[in-house]
Amino acid sequence: MAGIADKKYTFKVAKDANKIEIAQAVETLFKV
């Protein structure tokens, strides 16, 4: 929650997901 001020959000993700897939998923879900 302290990281939100710096626009850092923490998520639990699938174990086999890579950084590119995670970035695309967050952009799709939250429109950011």
Full PDB file with SEQRES, HELIX, SHEET, SSBOND, CRYST1, ORIGX, SCALE, CONECT and MASTER records, all heavy atoms in Angstrom:
SEQRES   1 A   32  MET ALA GLY ILE ALA ASP LYS LYS TYR THR PHE LYS VAL          
SEQRES   2 A   32  ALA LYS ASP ALA ASN LYS ILE GLU ILE ALA GLN ALA VAL          
SEQRES   3 A   32  GLU THR LEU PHE LYS VAL                                      
HELIX    1 AA1 ALA A    2  ASP A    6  5                                   5    
HELIX    2 AA2 LYS A   19  PHE A   30  1                                  12    
CRYST1    1.000    1.000    1.000  90.00  90.00  90.00 P 1           1          
ORIGX1      1.000000  0.000000  0.000000        0.00000                         
ORIGX2      0.000000  1.000000  0.000000        0.00000                         
ORIGX3      0.000000  0.000000  1.000000        0.00000                         
SCALE1      1.000000  0.000000  0.000000        0.00000                         
SCALE2      0.000000  1.000000  0.000000        0.00000                         
SCALE3      0.000000  0.000000  1.000000        0.00000                         
ATOM      1  N   MET A   1       0.829  -1.208   0.000  1.00  0.00           N  
ATOM      2  CA  MET A   1       0.000   0.000   0.000  1.00  0.00           C  
ATOM      3  C   MET A   1       0.868   1.264   0.000  1.00  0.00           C  
ATOM      4  O   MET A   1       0.479   2.285  -0.556  1.00  0.00           O  
ATOM      5  CB  MET A   1      -0.933   0.017   1.209  1.00  0.00           C  
ATOM      6  CG  MET A   1      -2.019  -1.027   1.166  1.00  0.00           C  
ATOM      7  SD  MET A   1      -3.188  -0.756  -0.166  1.00  0.00           S  
ATOM      8  CE  MET A   1      -2.832  -2.116  -1.232  1.00  0.00           C  
ATOM      9  N   ALA A   2       2.059   1.193   0.593  1.00  0.00           N  
ATOM     10  CA  ALA A   2       2.967   2.342   0.575  1.00  0.00           C  
ATOM     11  C   ALA A   2       3.499   2.592  -0.831  1.00  0.00           C  
ATOM     12  O   ALA A   2       3.821   3.731  -1.182  1.00  0.00           O  
ATOM     13  CB  ALA A   2       4.117   2.110   1.543  1.00  0.00           C  
ATOM     14  N   GLY A   3       3.582   1.568  -1.652  1.00  0.00           N  
ATOM     15  CA  GLY A   3       4.076   1.715  -3.014  1.00  0.00           C  
ATOM     16  C   GLY A   3       3.111   2.377  -3.960  1.00  0.00           C  
ATOM     17  O   GLY A   3       3.503   2.839  -5.041  1.00  0.00           O  
ATOM     18  N   ILE A   4       1.840   2.476  -3.593  1.00  0.00           N  
ATOM     19  CA  ILE A   4       0.837   3.081  -4.474  1.00  0.00           C  
ATOM     20  C   ILE A   4       1.145   4.549  -4.723  1.00  0.00           C  
ATOM     21  O   ILE A   4       0.865   5.067  -5.801  1.00  0.00           O  
ATOM     22  CB  ILE A   4      -0.576   2.870  -3.879  1.00  0.00           C  
ATOM     23  CG1 ILE A   4      -0.924   1.383  -3.947  1.00  0.00           C  
ATOM     24  CG2 ILE A   4      -1.615   3.688  -4.608  1.00  0.00           C  
ATOM     25  CD1 ILE A   4      -2.245   1.032  -3.360  1.00  0.00           C  
ATOM     26  N   ALA A   5       1.757   5.228  -3.763  1.00  0.00           N  
ATOM     27  CA  ALA A   5       2.115   6.638  -3.951  1.00  0.00           C  
ATOM     28  C   ALA A   5       3.111   6.802  -5.100  1.00  0.00           C  
ATOM     29  O   ALA A   5       3.102   7.825  -5.784  1.00  0.00           O  
ATOM     30  CB  ALA A   5       2.712   7.194  -2.664  1.00  0.00           C  
ATOM     31  N   ASP A   6       3.951   5.798  -5.346  1.00  0.00           N  
ATOM     32  CA  ASP A   6       4.917   5.822  -6.446  1.00  0.00           C  
ATOM     33  C   ASP A   6       4.398   5.118  -7.688  1.00  0.00           C  
ATOM     34  O   ASP A   6       5.176   4.800  -8.585  1.00  0.00           O  
ATOM     35  CB  ASP A   6       6.224   5.156  -6.006  1.00  0.00           C  
ATOM     36  CG  ASP A   6       6.871   5.866  -4.841  1.00  0.00           C  
ATOM     37  OD1 ASP A   6       6.735   7.100  -4.756  1.00  0.00           O  
ATOM     38  OD2 ASP A   6       7.510   5.189  -4.014  1.00  0.00           O  
ATOM     39  N   LYS A   7       3.089   4.843  -7.734  1.00  0.00           N  
ATOM     40  CA  LYS A   7       2.428   4.127  -8.828  1.00  0.00           C  
ATOM     41  C   LYS A   7       2.984   2.715  -8.998  1.00  0.00           C  
ATOM     42  O   LYS A   7       3.185   2.238 -10.107  1.00  0.00           O  
ATOM     43  CB  LYS A   7       2.527   4.907 -10.135  1.00  0.00           C  
ATOM     44  CG  LYS A   7       1.718   6.189 -10.124  1.00  0.00           C  
ATOM     45  CD  LYS A   7       1.533   6.716 -11.511  1.00  0.00           C  
ATOM     46  CE  LYS A   7       0.592   7.900 -11.474  1.00  0.00           C  
ATOM     47  NZ  LYS A   7       0.256   8.367 -12.787  1.00  0.00           N  
ATOM     48  N   LYS A   8       3.234   2.035  -7.866  1.00  0.00           N  
ATOM     49  CA  LYS A   8       3.665   0.645  -7.870  1.00  0.00           C  
ATOM     50  C   LYS A   8       2.560  -0.192  -7.245  1.00  0.00           C  
ATOM     51  O   LYS A   8       2.172   0.031  -6.099  1.00  0.00           O  
ATOM     52  CB  LYS A   8       4.964   0.466  -7.093  1.00  0.00           C  
ATOM     53  CG  LYS A   8       6.155   1.115  -7.751  1.00  0.00           C  
ATOM     54  CD  LYS A   8       7.424   0.830  -6.993  1.00  0.00           C  
ATOM     55  CE  LYS A   8       8.597   1.471  -7.692  1.00  0.00           C  
ATOM     56  NZ  LYS A   8       9.866   1.132  -7.044  1.00  0.00           N  
ATOM     57  N   TYR A   9       2.059  -1.150  -8.001  1.00  0.00           N  
ATOM     58  CA  TYR A   9       0.966  -2.007  -7.552  1.00  0.00           C  
ATOM     59  C   TYR A   9       1.454  -3.449  -7.511  1.00  0.00           C  
ATOM     60  O   TYR A   9       2.172  -3.900  -8.400  1.00  0.00           O  
ATOM     61  CB  TYR A   9      -0.226  -1.882  -8.497  1.00  0.00           C  
ATOM     62  CG  TYR A   9      -0.809  -0.488  -8.510  1.00  0.00           C  
ATOM     63  CD1 TYR A   9      -0.354   0.478  -9.399  1.00  0.00           C  
ATOM     64  CD2 TYR A   9      -1.807  -0.142  -7.619  1.00  0.00           C  
ATOM     65  CE1 TYR A   9      -0.884   1.755  -9.406  1.00  0.00           C  
ATOM     66  CE2 TYR A   9      -2.346   1.133  -7.614  1.00  0.00           C  
ATOM     67  CZ  TYR A   9      -1.879   2.074  -8.508  1.00  0.00           C  
ATOM     68  OH  TYR A   9      -2.395   3.340  -8.505  1.00  0.00           O  
ATOM     69  N   THR A  10       1.060  -4.190  -6.479  1.00  0.00           N  
ATOM     70  CA  THR A  10       1.518  -5.560  -6.279  1.00  0.00           C  
ATOM     71  C   THR A  10       0.364  -6.527  -6.505  1.00  0.00           C  
ATOM     72  O   THR A  10      -0.730  -6.330  -5.972  1.00  0.00           O  
ATOM     73  CB  THR A  10       2.068  -5.723  -4.847  1.00  0.00           C  
ATOM     74  OG1 THR A  10       3.037  -4.701  -4.617  1.00  0.00           O  
ATOM     75  CG2 THR A  10       2.727  -7.063  -4.671  1.00  0.00           C  
ATOM     76  N   PHE A  11       0.624  -7.568  -7.305  1.00  0.00           N  
ATOM     77  CA  PHE A  11      -0.388  -8.564  -7.635  1.00  0.00           C  
ATOM     78  C   PHE A  11       0.166  -9.968  -7.441  1.00  0.00           C  
ATOM     79  O   PHE A  11       1.354 -10.209  -7.627  1.00  0.00           O  
ATOM     80  CB  PHE A  11      -0.821  -8.437  -9.098  1.00  0.00           C  
ATOM     81  CG  PHE A  11      -1.478  -7.133  -9.439  1.00  0.00           C  
ATOM     82  CD1 PHE A  11      -0.762  -6.121 -10.052  1.00  0.00           C  
ATOM     83  CD2 PHE A  11      -2.809  -6.919  -9.145  1.00  0.00           C  
ATOM     84  CE1 PHE A  11      -1.355  -4.923 -10.371  1.00  0.00           C  
ATOM     85  CE2 PHE A  11      -3.417  -5.714  -9.456  1.00  0.00           C  
ATOM     86  CZ  PHE A  11      -2.684  -4.719 -10.070  1.00  0.00           C  
ATOM     87  N   LYS A  12      -0.730 -10.899  -7.090  1.00  0.00           N  
ATOM     88  CA  LYS A  12      -0.415 -12.318  -7.132  1.00  0.00           C  
ATOM     89  C   LYS A  12      -0.717 -12.762  -8.558  1.00  0.00           C  
ATOM     90  O   LYS A  12      -1.800 -12.490  -9.075  1.00  0.00           O  
ATOM     91  CB  LYS A  12      -1.284 -13.079  -6.128  1.00  0.00           C  
ATOM     92  CG  LYS A  12      -0.984 -14.543  -6.062  1.00  0.00           C  
ATOM     93  CD  LYS A  12      -1.811 -15.223  -4.978  1.00  0.00           C  
ATOM     94  CE  LYS A  12      -1.473 -16.689  -4.913  1.00  0.00           C  
ATOM     95  NZ  LYS A  12      -2.225 -17.368  -3.870  1.00  0.00           N  
ATOM     96  N   VAL A  13       0.254 -13.409  -9.213  1.00  0.00           N  
ATOM     97  CA  VAL A  13       0.103 -13.777 -10.619  1.00  0.00           C  
ATOM     98  C   VAL A  13       0.332 -15.269 -10.801  1.00  0.00           C  
ATOM     99  O   VAL A  13       0.806 -15.964  -9.890  1.00  0.00           O  
ATOM    100  CB  VAL A  13       1.076 -12.976 -11.515  1.00  0.00           C  
ATOM    101  CG1 VAL A  13       0.744 -11.500 -11.481  1.00  0.00           C  
ATOM    102  CG2 VAL A  13       2.508 -13.203 -11.121  1.00  0.00           C  
ATOM    103  N   ALA A  14       0.003 -15.766 -11.982  1.00  0.00           N  
ATOM    104  CA  ALA A  14       0.213 -17.181 -12.298  1.00  0.00           C  
ATOM    105  C   ALA A  14       1.701 -17.497 -12.284  1.00  0.00           C  
ATOM    106  O   ALA A  14       2.526 -16.675 -12.691  1.00  0.00           O  
ATOM    107  CB  ALA A  14      -0.375 -17.497 -13.669  1.00  0.00           C  
ATOM    108  N   LYS A  15       2.059 -18.687 -11.795  1.00  0.00           N  
ATOM    109  CA  LYS A  15       3.469 -19.048 -11.647  1.00  0.00           C  
ATOM    110  C   LYS A  15       4.195 -19.138 -12.979  1.00  0.00           C  
ATOM    111  O   LYS A  15       5.399 -18.911 -13.049  1.00  0.00           O  
ATOM    112  CB  LYS A  15       3.596 -20.379 -10.905  1.00  0.00           C  
ATOM    113  CG  LYS A  15       3.310 -20.263  -9.421  1.00  0.00           C  
ATOM    114  CD  LYS A  15       3.359 -21.604  -8.744  1.00  0.00           C  
ATOM    115  CE  LYS A  15       4.776 -22.072  -8.593  1.00  0.00           C  
ATOM    116  NZ  LYS A  15       4.877 -23.276  -7.733  1.00  0.00           N  
ATOM    117  N   ASP A  16       3.491 -19.462 -14.056  1.00  0.00           N  
ATOM    118  CA  ASP A  16       4.149 -19.625 -15.358  1.00  0.00           C  
ATOM    119  C   ASP A  16       4.062 -18.374 -16.227  1.00  0.00           C  
ATOM    120  O   ASP A  16       4.483 -18.394 -17.384  1.00  0.00           O  
ATOM    121  CB  ASP A  16       3.556 -20.821 -16.093  1.00  0.00           C  
ATOM    122  CG  ASP A  16       2.063 -20.688 -16.327  1.00  0.00           C  
ATOM    123  OD1 ASP A  16       1.434 -19.834 -15.675  1.00  0.00           O  
ATOM    124  OD2 ASP A  16       1.523 -21.442 -17.147  1.00  0.00           O  
ATOM    125  N   ALA A  17       3.554 -17.270 -15.690  1.00  0.00           N  
ATOM    126  CA  ALA A  17       3.438 -16.030 -16.468  1.00  0.00           C  
ATOM    127  C   ALA A  17       4.770 -15.294 -16.495  1.00  0.00           C  
ATOM    128  O   ALA A  17       5.489 -15.257 -15.497  1.00  0.00           O  
ATOM    129  CB  ALA A  17       2.361 -15.134 -15.867  1.00  0.00           C  
ATOM    130  N   ASN A  18       5.102 -14.697 -17.652  1.00  0.00           N  
ATOM    131  CA  ASN A  18       6.322 -13.910 -17.733  1.00  0.00           C  
ATOM    132  C   ASN A  18       5.978 -12.419 -17.646  1.00  0.00           C  
ATOM    133  O   ASN A  18       4.808 -12.032 -17.588  1.00  0.00           O  
ATOM    134  CB  ASN A  18       7.118 -14.238 -19.004  1.00  0.00           C  
ATOM    135  CG  ASN A  18       6.344 -13.976 -20.270  1.00  0.00           C  
ATOM    136  OD1 ASN A  18       5.534 -13.067 -20.332  1.00  0.00           O  
ATOM    137  ND2 ASN A  18       6.601 -14.771 -21.292  1.00  0.00           N  
ATOM    138  N   LYS A  19       7.011 -11.575 -17.650  1.00  0.00           N  
ATOM    139  CA  LYS A  19       6.812 -10.140 -17.431  1.00  0.00           C  
ATOM    140  C   LYS A  19       5.995  -9.495 -18.541  1.00  0.00           C  
ATOM    141  O   LYS A  19       5.172  -8.610 -18.282  1.00  0.00           O  
ATOM    142  CB  LYS A  19       8.160  -9.436 -17.303  1.00  0.00           C  
ATOM    143  CG  LYS A  19       8.909  -9.806 -16.044  1.00  0.00           C  
ATOM    144  CD  LYS A  19      10.211  -9.053 -15.952  1.00  0.00           C  
ATOM    145  CE  LYS A  19      10.953  -9.431 -14.686  1.00  0.00           C  
ATOM    146  NZ  LYS A  19      12.131  -8.603 -14.465  1.00  0.00           N  
ATOM    147  N   ILE A  20       6.179  -9.931 -19.770  1.00  0.00           N  
ATOM    148  CA  ILE A  20       5.436  -9.365 -20.901  1.00  0.00           C  
ATOM    149  C   ILE A  20       3.956  -9.697 -20.787  1.00  0.00           C  
ATOM    150  O   ILE A  20       3.093  -8.831 -20.974  1.00  0.00           O  
ATOM    151  CB  ILE A  20       6.027  -9.871 -22.229  1.00  0.00           C  
ATOM    152  CG1 ILE A  20       7.468  -9.394 -22.366  1.00  0.00           C  
ATOM    153  CG2 ILE A  20       5.195  -9.409 -23.403  1.00  0.00           C  
ATOM    154  CD1 ILE A  20       8.244 -10.063 -23.466  1.00  0.00           C  
ATOM    155  N   GLU A  21       3.640 -10.947 -20.454  1.00  0.00           N  
ATOM    156  CA  GLU A  21       2.241 -11.349 -20.281  1.00  0.00           C  
ATOM    157  C   GLU A  21       1.589 -10.601 -19.124  1.00  0.00           C  
ATOM    158  O   GLU A  21       0.423 -10.200 -19.217  1.00  0.00           O  
ATOM    159  CB  GLU A  21       2.145 -12.852 -20.035  1.00  0.00           C  
ATOM    160  CG  GLU A  21       2.514 -13.706 -21.221  1.00  0.00           C  
ATOM    161  CD  GLU A  21       2.562 -15.191 -20.885  1.00  0.00           C  
ATOM    162  OE1 GLU A  21       2.700 -15.535 -19.695  1.00  0.00           O  
ATOM    163  OE2 GLU A  21       2.459 -15.994 -21.821  1.00  0.00           O  
ATOM    164  N   ILE A  22       2.332 -10.397 -18.038  1.00  0.00           N  
ATOM    165  CA  ILE A  22       1.791  -9.686 -16.878  1.00  0.00           C  
ATOM    166  C   ILE A  22       1.489  -8.237 -17.237  1.00  0.00           C  
ATOM    167  O   ILE A  22       0.427  -7.705 -16.910  1.00  0.00           O  
ATOM    168  CB  ILE A  22       2.761  -9.773 -15.687  1.00  0.00           C  
ATOM    169  CG1 ILE A  22       2.873 -11.223 -15.199  1.00  0.00           C  
ATOM    170  CG2 ILE A  22       2.325  -8.868 -14.550  1.00  0.00           C  
ATOM    171  CD1 ILE A  22       4.011 -11.475 -14.245  1.00  0.00           C  
ATOM    172  N   ALA A  23       2.401  -7.579 -17.958  1.00  0.00           N  
ATOM    173  CA  ALA A  23       2.196  -6.189 -18.363  1.00  0.00           C  
ATOM    174  C   ALA A  23       0.980  -6.053 -19.266  1.00  0.00           C  
ATOM    175  O   ALA A  23       0.150  -5.145 -19.092  1.00  0.00           O  
ATOM    176  CB  ALA A  23       3.445  -5.660 -19.061  1.00  0.00           C  
ATOM    177  N   GLN A  24       0.835  -6.952 -20.224  1.00  0.00           N  
ATOM    178  CA  GLN A  24      -0.315  -6.907 -21.128  1.00  0.00           C  
ATOM    179  C   GLN A  24      -1.619  -7.171 -20.384  1.00  0.00           C  
ATOM    180  O   GLN A  24      -2.646  -6.536 -20.663  1.00  0.00           O  
ATOM    181  CB  GLN A  24      -0.137  -7.923 -22.260  1.00  0.00           C  
ATOM    182  CG  GLN A  24       0.962  -7.551 -23.227  1.00  0.00           C  
ATOM    183  CD  GLN A  24       1.253  -8.650 -24.227  1.00  0.00           C  
ATOM    184  OE1 GLN A  24       0.794  -9.790 -24.080  1.00  0.00           O  
ATOM    185  NE2 GLN A  24       2.046  -8.330 -25.244  1.00  0.00           N  
ATOM    186  N   ALA A  25      -1.597  -8.085 -19.410  1.00  0.00           N  
ATOM    187  CA  ALA A  25      -2.806  -8.401 -18.646  1.00  0.00           C  
ATOM    188  C   ALA A  25      -3.242  -7.213 -17.797  1.00  0.00           C  
ATOM    189  O   ALA A  25      -4.435  -6.893 -17.729  1.00  0.00           O  
ATOM    190  CB  ALA A  25      -2.562  -9.626 -17.768  1.00  0.00           C  
ATOM    191  N   VAL A  26      -2.297  -6.529 -17.143  1.00  0.00           N  
ATOM    192  CA  VAL A  26      -2.642  -5.372 -16.309  1.00  0.00           C  
ATOM    193  C   VAL A  26      -3.170  -4.237 -17.179  1.00  0.00           C  
ATOM    194  O   VAL A  26      -4.145  -3.575 -16.828  1.00  0.00           O  
ATOM    195  CB  VAL A  26      -1.416  -4.918 -15.480  1.00  0.00           C  
ATOM    196  CG1 VAL A  26      -1.674  -3.592 -14.798  1.00  0.00           C  
ATOM    197  CG2 VAL A  26      -1.075  -5.973 -14.440  1.00  0.00           C  
ATOM    198  N   GLU A  27      -2.556  -4.022 -18.348  1.00  0.00           N  
ATOM    199  CA  GLU A  27      -3.040  -2.979 -19.261  1.00  0.00           C  
ATOM    200  C   GLU A  27      -4.447  -3.290 -19.745  1.00  0.00           C  
ATOM    201  O   GLU A  27      -5.283  -2.391 -19.866  1.00  0.00           O  
ATOM    202  CB  GLU A  27      -2.082  -2.830 -20.438  1.00  0.00           C  
ATOM    203  CG  GLU A  27      -0.786  -2.146 -20.072  1.00  0.00           C  
ATOM    204  CD  GLU A  27       0.173  -2.018 -21.237  1.00  0.00           C  
ATOM    205  OE1 GLU A  27      -0.103  -2.577 -22.325  1.00  0.00           O  
ATOM    206  OE2 GLU A  27       1.211  -1.356 -21.066  1.00  0.00           O  
ATOM    207  N   THR A  28      -4.735  -4.551 -20.017  1.00  0.00           N  
ATOM    208  CA  THR A  28      -6.063  -4.946 -20.486  1.00  0.00           C  
ATOM    209  C   THR A  28      -7.115  -4.823 -19.386  1.00  0.00           C  
ATOM    210  O   THR A  28      -8.200  -4.290 -19.613  1.00  0.00           O  
ATOM    211  CB  THR A  28      -6.028  -6.411 -20.993  1.00  0.00           C  
ATOM    212  OG1 THR A  28      -5.046  -6.515 -22.009  1.00  0.00           O  
ATOM    213  CG2 THR A  28      -7.382  -6.820 -21.529  1.00  0.00           C  
ATOM    214  N   LEU A  29      -6.796  -5.296 -18.180  1.00  0.00           N  
ATOM    215  CA  LEU A  29      -7.777  -5.314 -17.101  1.00  0.00           C  
ATOM    216  C   LEU A  29      -8.098  -3.921 -16.559  1.00  0.00           C  
ATOM    217  O   LEU A  29      -9.254  -3.611 -16.275  1.00  0.00           O  
ATOM    218  CB  LEU A  29      -7.286  -6.197 -15.951  1.00  0.00           C  
ATOM    219  CG  LEU A  29      -7.297  -7.701 -16.179  1.00  0.00           C  
ATOM    220  CD1 LEU A  29      -6.624  -8.408 -15.033  1.00  0.00           C  
ATOM    221  CD2 LEU A  29      -8.709  -8.205 -16.361  1.00  0.00           C  
ATOM    222  N   PHE A  30      -7.076  -3.089 -16.399  1.00  0.00           N  
ATOM    223  CA  PHE A  30      -7.260  -1.824 -15.690  1.00  0.00           C  
ATOM    224  C   PHE A  30      -7.156  -0.591 -16.586  1.00  0.00           C  
ATOM    225  O   PHE A  30      -7.259   0.531 -16.096  1.00  0.00           O  
ATOM    226  CB  PHE A  30      -6.243  -1.718 -14.549  1.00  0.00           C  
ATOM    227  CG  PHE A  30      -6.366  -2.830 -13.548  1.00  0.00           C  
ATOM    228  CD1 PHE A  30      -5.414  -3.826 -13.470  1.00  0.00           C  
ATOM    229  CD2 PHE A  30      -7.452  -2.892 -12.689  1.00  0.00           C  
ATOM    230  CE1 PHE A  30      -5.518  -4.856 -12.550  1.00  0.00           C  
ATOM    231  CE2 PHE A  30      -7.572  -3.910 -11.765  1.00  0.00           C  
ATOM    232  CZ  PHE A  30      -6.608  -4.898 -11.693  1.00  0.00           C  
ATOM    233  N   LYS A  31      -6.927  -0.785 -17.895  1.00  0.00           N  
ATOM    234  CA  LYS A  31      -6.852   0.328 -18.865  1.00  0.00           C  
ATOM    235  C   LYS A  31      -5.805   1.368 -18.455  1.00  0.00           C  
ATOM    236  O   LYS A  31      -6.082   2.559 -18.378  1.00  0.00           O  
ATOM    237  CB  LYS A  31      -8.213   1.008 -19.038  1.00  0.00           C  
ATOM    238  CG  LYS A  31      -9.377   0.078 -19.303  1.00  0.00           C  
ATOM    239  CD  LYS A  31      -9.322  -0.522 -20.682  1.00  0.00           C  
ATOM    240  CE  LYS A  31     -10.568  -1.285 -21.041  1.00  0.00           C  
ATOM    241  NZ  LYS A  31     -10.694  -2.594 -20.483  1.00  0.00           N  
ATOM    242  N   VAL A  32      -4.596   0.915 -18.147  1.00  0.00           N  
ATOM    243  CA  VAL A  32      -3.483   1.781 -17.755  1.00  0.00           C  
ATOM    244  C   VAL A  32      -2.271   1.453 -18.629  1.00  0.00           C  
ATOM    245  O   VAL A  32      -2.281   0.479 -19.385  1.00  0.00           O  
ATOM    246  CB  VAL A  32      -3.113   1.593 -16.266  1.00  0.00           C  
ATOM    247  CG1 VAL A  32      -4.225   2.067 -15.362  1.00  0.00           C  
ATOM    248  CG2 VAL A  32      -2.766   0.157 -15.961  1.00  0.00           C  
TER     249      VAL A  32                                                      
MASTER        0    0    0    2    0    0    0    6  248    1    0    3          
END                                                                             
